[in-house]
Amino acid sequence: MAEALDPKTKELVGIAAAVAGHCQPCFVYHHKTALQFGATAEEIREAVELARAVRGAGDRHMDEFVVRRLSGDASANSAANE
């Protein structure tokens, strides 16, 4: 089966996943490999910024959930049981 993503794109996804997952060794590996596959500094920065935005949204949603949960919000209780 042919792969849908080219190697450079896979490494950019790896960089984004490493940033979102807080994995420094993963970032080092994927950054080095992305450069070897021809990724530019701008492409890497874009992948990093996208991951930071996604991670930030998840962090904000978690913070809001915790506040609702601690305040006894019934919707937070039902969401946690799903």
PDB file of N, CA and C in Angstrom:
ATOM      1  N   MET A   1       0.849  -1.183   0.000  1.00  0.00           N
ATOM      2  CA  MET A   1       0.000   0.000   0.000  1.00  0.00           C
ATOM      3  C   MET A   1       0.891   1.241   0.000  1.00  0.00           C
ATOM      4  N   ALA A   2       0.608   2.162  -0.879  1.00  0.00           N
ATOM      5  CA  ALA A   2       1.367   3.412  -0.948  1.00  0.00           C
ATOM      6  C   ALA A   2       1.023   4.294   0.253  1.00  0.00           C
ATOM      7  N   GLU A   3       2.008   5.004   0.711  1.00  0.00           N
ATOM      8  CA  GLU A   3       1.790   5.904   1.846  1.00  0.00           C
ATOM      9  C   GLU A   3       1.268   7.243   1.345  1.00  0.00           C
ATOM     10  N   ALA A   4       0.313   7.793   2.048  1.00  0.00           N
ATOM     11  CA  ALA A   4      -0.330   9.033   1.622  1.00  0.00           C
ATOM     12  C   ALA A   4       0.523  10.263   1.917  1.00  0.00           C
ATOM     13  N   LEU A   5       1.309  10.221   2.982  1.00  0.00           N
ATOM     14  CA  LEU A   5       2.128  11.369   3.363  1.00  0.00           C
ATOM     15  C   LEU A   5       3.585  11.141   2.973  1.00  0.00           C
ATOM     16  N   ASP A   6       4.197  12.190   2.459  1.00  0.00           N
ATOM     17  CA  ASP A   6       5.609  12.093   2.132  1.00  0.00           C
ATOM     18  C   ASP A   6       6.430  12.186   3.421  1.00  0.00           C
ATOM     19  N   PRO A   7       7.690  11.763   3.407  1.00  0.00           N
ATOM     20  CA  PRO A   7       8.505  11.719   4.628  1.00  0.00           C
ATOM     21  C   PRO A   7       8.639  13.077   5.334  1.00  0.00           C
ATOM     22  N   LYS A   8       8.794  14.158   4.572  1.00  0.00           N
ATOM     23  CA  LYS A   8       8.923  15.480   5.203  1.00  0.00           C
ATOM     24  C   LYS A   8       7.653  15.839   5.966  1.00  0.00           C
ATOM     25  N   THR A   9       6.502  15.592   5.346  1.00  0.00           N
ATOM     26  CA  THR A   9       5.226  15.893   6.006  1.00  0.00           C
ATOM     27  C   THR A   9       5.070  15.061   7.272  1.00  0.00           C
ATOM     28  N   LYS A  10       5.448  13.793   7.205  1.00  0.00           N
ATOM     29  CA  LYS A  10       5.373  12.940   8.405  1.00  0.00           C
ATOM     30  C   LYS A  10       6.222  13.505   9.535  1.00  0.00           C
ATOM     31  N   GLU A  11       7.392  14.012   9.209  1.00  0.00           N
ATOM     32  CA  GLU A  11       8.261  14.564  10.252  1.00  0.00           C
ATOM     33  C   GLU A  11       7.698  15.866  10.808  1.00  0.00           C
ATOM     34  N   LEU A  12       7.063  16.663   9.984  1.00  0.00           N
ATOM     35  CA  LEU A  12       6.405  17.876  10.479  1.00  0.00           C
ATOM     36  C   LEU A  12       5.260  17.520  11.423  1.00  0.00           C
ATOM     37  N   VAL A  13       4.524  16.472  11.073  1.00  0.00           N
ATOM     38  CA  VAL A  13       3.474  15.983  11.977  1.00  0.00           C
ATOM     39  C   VAL A  13       4.115  15.479  13.265  1.00  0.00           C
ATOM     40  N   GLY A  14       5.244  14.785  13.158  1.00  0.00           N
ATOM     41  CA  GLY A  14       5.966  14.313  14.344  1.00  0.00           C
ATOM     42  C   GLY A  14       6.401  15.457  15.241  1.00  0.00           C
ATOM     43  N   ILE A  15       6.869  16.546  14.634  1.00  0.00           N
ATOM     44  CA  ILE A  15       7.254  17.729  15.407  1.00  0.00           C
ATOM     45  C   ILE A  15       6.041  18.271  16.151  1.00  0.00           C
ATOM     46  N   ALA A  16       4.931  18.410  15.446  1.00  0.00           N
ATOM     47  CA  ALA A  16       3.716  18.933  16.081  1.00  0.00           C
ATOM     48  C   ALA A  16       3.256  18.020  17.215  1.00  0.00           C
ATOM     49  N   ALA A  17       3.297  16.727  16.994  1.00  0.00           N
ATOM     50  CA  ALA A  17       2.890  15.784  18.043  1.00  0.00           C
ATOM     51  C   ALA A  17       3.825  15.868  19.242  1.00  0.00           C
ATOM     52  N   ALA A  18       5.106  16.031  18.985  1.00  0.00           N
ATOM     53  CA  ALA A  18       6.075  16.147  20.083  1.00  0.00           C
ATOM     54  C   ALA A  18       5.811  17.392  20.924  1.00  0.00           C
ATOM     55  N   VAL A  19       5.524  18.496  20.251  1.00  0.00           N
ATOM     56  CA  VAL A  19       5.232  19.745  20.978  1.00  0.00           C
ATOM     57  C   VAL A  19       3.941  19.590  21.776  1.00  0.00           C
ATOM     58  N   ALA A  20       2.902  19.083  21.144  1.00  0.00           N
ATOM     59  CA  ALA A  20       1.616  18.913  21.828  1.00  0.00           C
ATOM     60  C   ALA A  20       1.729  17.921  22.974  1.00  0.00           C
ATOM     61  N   GLY A  21       2.590  16.915  22.816  1.00  0.00           N
ATOM     62  CA  GLY A  21       2.749  15.881  23.833  1.00  0.00           C
ATOM     63  C   GLY A  21       3.854  16.144  24.833  1.00  0.00           C
ATOM     64  N   HIS A  22       4.474  17.329  24.751  1.00  0.00           N
ATOM     65  CA  HIS A  22       5.529  17.714  25.697  1.00  0.00           C
ATOM     66  C   HIS A  22       6.695  16.724  25.708  1.00  0.00           C
ATOM     67  N   CYS A  23       7.073  16.204  24.546  1.00  0.00           N
ATOM     68  CA  CYS A  23       8.137  15.198  24.474  1.00  0.00           C
ATOM     69  C   CYS A  23       9.390  15.799  23.837  1.00  0.00           C
ATOM     70  N   GLN A  24      10.336  16.220  24.676  1.00  0.00           N
ATOM     71  CA  GLN A  24      11.551  16.847  24.175  1.00  0.00           C
ATOM     72  C   GLN A  24      12.394  15.905  23.317  1.00  0.00           C
ATOM     73  N   PRO A  25      12.630  14.644  23.751  1.00  0.00           N
ATOM     74  CA  PRO A  25      13.414  13.753  22.891  1.00  0.00           C
ATOM     75  C   PRO A  25      12.742  13.514  21.529  1.00  0.00           C
ATOM     76  N   CYS A  26      11.419  13.444  21.531  1.00  0.00           N
ATOM     77  CA  CYS A  26      10.684  13.268  20.278  1.00  0.00           C
ATOM     78  C   CYS A  26      10.897  14.484  19.371  1.00  0.00           C
ATOM     79  N   PHE A  27      10.837  15.663  19.962  1.00  0.00           N
ATOM     80  CA  PHE A  27      11.038  16.882  19.174  1.00  0.00           C
ATOM     81  C   PHE A  27      12.427  16.895  18.550  1.00  0.00           C
ATOM     82  N   VAL A  28      13.445  16.578  19.341  1.00  0.00           N
ATOM     83  CA  VAL A  28      14.821  16.573  18.833  1.00  0.00           C
ATOM     84  C   VAL A  28      14.934  15.622  17.641  1.00  0.00           C
ATOM     85  N   TYR A  29      14.399  14.421  17.796  1.00  0.00           N
ATOM     86  CA  TYR A  29      14.463  13.420  16.724  1.00  0.00           C
ATOM     87  C   TYR A  29      13.738  13.908  15.463  1.00  0.00           C
ATOM     88  N   HIS A  30      12.499  14.348  15.616  1.00  0.00           N
ATOM     89  CA  HIS A  30      11.708  14.732  14.447  1.00  0.00           C
ATOM     90  C   HIS A  30      12.228  16.018  13.805  1.00  0.00           C
ATOM     91  N   HIS A  31      12.756  16.931  14.603  1.00  0.00           N
ATOM     92  CA  HIS A  31      13.344  18.159  14.066  1.00  0.00           C
ATOM     93  C   HIS A  31      14.540  17.817  13.184  1.00  0.00           C
ATOM     94  N   LYS A  32      15.439  17.000  13.690  1.00  0.00           N
ATOM     95  CA  LYS A  32      16.625  16.593  12.930  1.00  0.00           C
ATOM     96  C   LYS A  32      16.225  15.872  11.644  1.00  0.00           C
ATOM     97  N   THR A  33      15.280  14.952  11.755  1.00  0.00           N
ATOM     98  CA  THR A  33      14.860  14.169  10.598  1.00  0.00           C
ATOM     99  C   THR A  33      14.118  15.034   9.585  1.00  0.00           C
ATOM    100  N   ALA A  34      13.301  15.972  10.056  1.00  0.00           N
ATOM    101  CA  ALA A  34      12.591  16.882   9.147  1.00  0.00           C
ATOM    102  C   ALA A  34      13.582  17.699   8.333  1.00  0.00           C
ATOM    103  N   LEU A  35      14.630  18.186   8.979  1.00  0.00           N
ATOM    104  CA  LEU A  35      15.657  18.936   8.259  1.00  0.00           C
ATOM    105  C   LEU A  35      16.324  18.064   7.199  1.00  0.00           C
ATOM    106  N   GLN A  36      16.572  16.810   7.540  1.00  0.00           N
ATOM    107  CA  GLN A  36      17.183  15.886   6.579  1.00  0.00           C
ATOM    108  C   GLN A  36      16.284  15.656   5.368  1.00  0.00           C
ATOM    109  N   PHE A  37      14.977  15.727   5.570  1.00  0.00           N
ATOM    110  CA  PHE A  37      14.031  15.551   4.468  1.00  0.00           C
ATOM    111  C   PHE A  37      13.683  16.872   3.776  1.00  0.00           C
ATOM    112  N   GLY A  38      14.384  17.940   4.137  1.00  0.00           N
ATOM    113  CA  GLY A  38      14.226  19.202   3.426  1.00  0.00           C
ATOM    114  C   GLY A  38      13.237  20.186   4.003  1.00  0.00           C
ATOM    115  N   ALA A  39      12.780  19.969   5.215  1.00  0.00           N
ATOM    116  CA  ALA A  39      11.861  20.934   5.827  1.00  0.00           C
ATOM    117  C   ALA A  39      12.593  22.244   6.075  1.00  0.00           C
ATOM    118  N   THR A  40      11.906  23.343   5.826  1.00  0.00           N
ATOM    119  CA  THR A  40      12.489  24.657   6.065  1.00  0.00           C
ATOM    120  C   THR A  40      12.205  25.096   7.503  1.00  0.00           C
ATOM    121  N   ALA A  41      12.964  26.084   7.943  1.00  0.00           N
ATOM    122  CA  ALA A  41      12.742  26.630   9.285  1.00  0.00           C
ATOM    123  C   ALA A  41      11.316  27.171   9.406  1.00  0.00           C
ATOM    124  N   GLU A  42      10.809  27.769   8.341  1.00  0.00           N
ATOM    125  CA  GLU A  42       9.450  28.322   8.366  1.00  0.00           C
ATOM    126  C   GLU A  42       8.402  27.209   8.479  1.00  0.00           C
ATOM    127  N   GLU A  43       8.594  26.117   7.772  1.00  0.00           N
ATOM    128  CA  GLU A  43       7.659  24.990   7.871  1.00  0.00           C
ATOM    129  C   GLU A  43       7.667  24.408   9.279  1.00  0.00           C
ATOM    130  N   ILE A  44       8.838  24.310   9.875  1.00  0.00           N
ATOM    131  CA  ILE A  44       8.953  23.787  11.242  1.00  0.00           C
ATOM    132  C   ILE A  44       8.292  24.730  12.222  1.00  0.00           C
ATOM    133  N   ARG A  45       8.530  26.028  12.069  1.00  0.00           N
ATOM    134  CA  ARG A  45       7.876  27.016  12.957  1.00  0.00           C
ATOM    135  C   ARG A  45       6.359  26.922  12.838  1.00  0.00           C
ATOM    136  N   GLU A  46       5.864  26.751  11.627  1.00  0.00           N
ATOM    137  CA  GLU A  46       4.415  26.654  11.429  1.00  0.00           C
ATOM    138  C   GLU A  46       3.845  25.413  12.115  1.00  0.00           C
ATOM    139  N   ALA A  47       4.539  24.294  12.007  1.00  0.00           N
ATOM    140  CA  ALA A  47       4.096  23.068  12.682  1.00  0.00           C
ATOM    141  C   ALA A  47       4.081  23.259  14.196  1.00  0.00           C
ATOM    142  N   VAL A  48       5.110  23.923  14.712  1.00  0.00           N
ATOM    143  CA  VAL A  48       5.198  24.175  16.153  1.00  0.00           C
ATOM    144  C   VAL A  48       4.067  25.094  16.604  1.00  0.00           C
ATOM    145  N   GLU A  49       3.817  26.159  15.865  1.00  0.00           N
ATOM    146  CA  GLU A  49       2.761  27.100  16.249  1.00  0.00           C
ATOM    147  C   GLU A  49       1.385  26.443  16.201  1.00  0.00           C
ATOM    148  N   LEU A  50       1.149  25.606  15.214  1.00  0.00           N
ATOM    149  CA  LEU A  50      -0.127  24.887  15.138  1.00  0.00           C
ATOM    150  C   LEU A  50      -0.295  23.976  16.352  1.00  0.00           C
ATOM    151  N   ALA A  51       0.758  23.251  16.705  1.00  0.00           N
ATOM    152  CA  ALA A  51       0.691  22.358  17.861  1.00  0.00           C
ATOM    153  C   ALA A  51       0.464  23.136  19.148  1.00  0.00           C
ATOM    154  N   ARG A  52       1.127  24.268  19.274  1.00  0.00           N
ATOM    155  CA  ARG A  52       0.945  25.091  20.479  1.00  0.00           C
ATOM    156  C   ARG A  52      -0.488  25.609  20.574  1.00  0.00           C
ATOM    157  N   ALA A  53      -1.073  25.971  19.443  1.00  0.00           N
ATOM    158  CA  ALA A  53      -2.454  26.455  19.448  1.00  0.00           C
ATOM    159  C   ALA A  53      -3.408  25.344  19.854  1.00  0.00           C
ATOM    160  N   VAL A  54      -3.208  24.156  19.310  1.00  0.00           N
ATOM    161  CA  VAL A  54      -4.070  23.019  19.649  1.00  0.00           C
ATOM    162  C   VAL A  54      -3.904  22.662  21.118  1.00  0.00           C
ATOM    163  N   ARG A  55      -2.657  22.584  21.563  1.00  0.00           N
ATOM    164  CA  ARG A  55      -2.389  22.261  22.963  1.00  0.00           C
ATOM    165  C   ARG A  55      -2.999  23.322  23.879  1.00  0.00           C
ATOM    166  N   GLY A  56      -2.880  24.581  23.498  1.00  0.00           N
ATOM    167  CA  GLY A  56      -3.429  25.671  24.307  1.00  0.00           C
ATOM    168  C   GLY A  56      -4.934  25.584  24.443  1.00  0.00           C
ATOM    169  N   ALA A  57      -5.604  25.234  23.346  1.00  0.00           N
ATOM    170  CA  ALA A  57      -7.060  25.085  23.406  1.00  0.00           C
ATOM    171  C   ALA A  57      -7.432  23.947  24.341  1.00  0.00           C
ATOM    172  N   GLY A  58      -6.720  22.840  24.254  1.00  0.00           N
ATOM    173  CA  GLY A  58      -6.984  21.711  25.148  1.00  0.00           C
ATOM    174  C   GLY A  58      -6.741  22.075  26.597  1.00  0.00           C
ATOM    175  N   ASP A  59      -5.674  22.826  26.843  1.00  0.00           N
ATOM    176  CA  ASP A  59      -5.378  23.265  28.209  1.00  0.00           C
ATOM    177  C   ASP A  59      -6.483  24.174  28.742  1.00  0.00           C
ATOM    178  N   ARG A  60      -6.947  25.108  27.901  1.00  0.00           N
ATOM    179  CA  ARG A  60      -8.019  26.011  28.343  1.00  0.00           C
ATOM    180  C   ARG A  60      -9.294  25.242  28.642  1.00  0.00           C
ATOM    181  N   HIS A  61      -9.638  24.293  27.776  1.00  0.00           N
ATOM    182  CA  HIS A  61     -10.852  23.501  28.002  1.00  0.00           C
ATOM    183  C   HIS A  61     -10.734  22.673  29.288  1.00  0.00           C
ATOM    184  N   MET A  62      -9.569  22.134  29.533  1.00  0.00           N
ATOM    185  CA  MET A  62      -9.368  21.355  30.767  1.00  0.00           C
ATOM    186  C   MET A  62      -9.489  22.258  31.987  1.00  0.00           C
ATOM    187  N   ASP A  63      -8.889  23.443  31.924  1.00  0.00           N
ATOM    188  CA  ASP A  63      -8.989  24.381  33.040  1.00  0.00           C
ATOM    189  C   ASP A  63     -10.442  24.748  33.322  1.00  0.00           C
ATOM    190  N   GLU A  64     -11.209  25.007  32.260  1.00  0.00           N
ATOM    191  CA  GLU A  64     -12.626  25.337  32.424  1.00  0.00           C
ATOM    192  C   GLU A  64     -13.393  24.158  33.017  1.00  0.00           C
ATOM    193  N   PHE A  65     -13.091  22.955  32.561  1.00  0.00           N
ATOM    194  CA  PHE A  65     -13.738  21.760  33.076  1.00  0.00           C
ATOM    195  C   PHE A  65     -13.473  21.602  34.570  1.00  0.00           C
ATOM    196  N   VAL A  66     -12.215  21.792  34.970  1.00  0.00           N
ATOM    197  CA  VAL A  66     -11.852  21.640  36.381  1.00  0.00           C
ATOM    198  C   VAL A  66     -12.596  22.660  37.235  1.00  0.00           C
ATOM    199  N   VAL A  67     -12.667  23.901  36.770  1.00  0.00           N
ATOM    200  CA  VAL A  67     -13.383  24.934  37.527  1.00  0.00           C
ATOM    201  C   VAL A  67     -14.848  24.550  37.680  1.00  0.00           C
ATOM    202  N   ARG A  68     -15.481  24.095  36.584  1.00  0.00           N
ATOM    203  CA  ARG A  68     -16.889  23.677  36.671  1.00  0.00           C
ATOM    204  C   ARG A  68     -17.032  22.489  37.604  1.00  0.00           C
ATOM    205  N   ARG A  69     -16.131  21.539  37.502  1.00  0.00           N
ATOM    206  CA  ARG A  69     -16.197  20.319  38.327  1.00  0.00           C
ATOM    207  C   ARG A  69     -16.077  20.669  39.806  1.00  0.00           C
ATOM    208  N   LEU A  70     -15.151  21.541  40.119  1.00  0.00           N
ATOM    209  CA  LEU A  70     -14.946  21.916  41.520  1.00  0.00           C
ATOM    210  C   LEU A  70     -16.077  22.767  42.065  1.00  0.00           C
ATOM    211  N   SER A  71     -16.785  23.460  41.181  1.00  0.00           N
ATOM    212  CA  SER A  71     -17.904  24.282  41.644  1.00  0.00           C
ATOM    213  C   SER A  71     -19.199  23.492  41.710  1.00  0.00           C
ATOM    214  N   GLY A  72     -19.137  22.187  41.335  1.00  0.00           N
ATOM    215  CA  GLY A  72     -20.315  21.340  41.438  1.00  0.00           C
ATOM    216  C   GLY A  72     -21.258  21.454  40.261  1.00  0.00           C
ATOM    217  N   ASP A  73     -20.787  21.971  39.140  1.00  0.00           N
ATOM    218  CA  ASP A  73     -21.614  22.100  37.944  1.00  0.00           C
ATOM    219  C   ASP A  73     -22.073  20.709  37.492  1.00  0.00           C
ATOM    220  N   ALA A  74     -23.371  20.529  37.356  1.00  0.00           N
ATOM    221  CA  ALA A  74     -23.935  19.231  36.971  1.00  0.00           C
ATOM    222  C   ALA A  74     -23.500  18.819  35.567  1.00  0.00           C
ATOM    223  N   SER A  75     -23.328  19.781  34.655  1.00  0.00           N
ATOM    224  CA  SER A  75     -22.917  19.414  33.294  1.00  0.00           C
ATOM    225  C   SER A  75     -21.497  18.847  33.287  1.00  0.00           C
ATOM    226  N   ALA A  76     -20.641  19.319  34.169  1.00  0.00           N
ATOM    227  CA  ALA A  76     -19.296  18.758  34.256  1.00  0.00           C
ATOM    228  C   ALA A  76     -19.355  17.326  34.767  1.00  0.00           C
ATOM    229  N   ASN A  77     -20.274  17.092  35.711  1.00  0.00           N
ATOM    230  CA  ASN A  77     -20.411  15.710  36.235  1.00  0.00           C
ATOM    231  C   ASN A  77     -20.887  14.756  35.158  1.00  0.00           C
ATOM    232  N   SER A  78     -21.853  15.192  34.338  1.00  0.00           N
ATOM    233  CA  SER A  78     -22.351  14.309  33.288  1.00  0.00           C
ATOM    234  C   SER A  78     -21.320  14.125  32.194  1.00  0.00           C
ATOM    235  N   ALA A  79     -20.544  15.162  31.875  1.00  0.00           N
ATOM    236  CA  ALA A  79     -19.520  15.054  30.844  1.00  0.00           C
ATOM    237  C   ALA A  79     -18.422  14.076  31.274  1.00  0.00           C
ATOM    238  N   ALA A  80     -18.115  14.049  32.536  1.00  0.00           N
ATOM    239  CA  ALA A  80     -17.063  13.167  33.020  1.00  0.00           C
ATOM    240  C   ALA A  80     -17.488  11.706  32.954  1.00  0.00           C
ATOM    241  N   ASN A  81     -18.777  11.455  32.988  1.00  0.00           N
ATOM    242  CA  ASN A  81     -19.272  10.083  32.971  1.00  0.00           C
ATOM    243  C   ASN A  81     -19.478   9.537  31.568  1.00  0.00           C
ATOM    244  N   GLU A  82     -19.258  10.384  30.549  1.00  0.00           N
ATOM    245  CA  GLU A  82     -19.458   9.932  29.160  1.00  0.00           C
ATOM    246  C   GLU A  82     -18.302   9.118  28.674  1.00  0.00           C
TER     247      GLU A  82
END
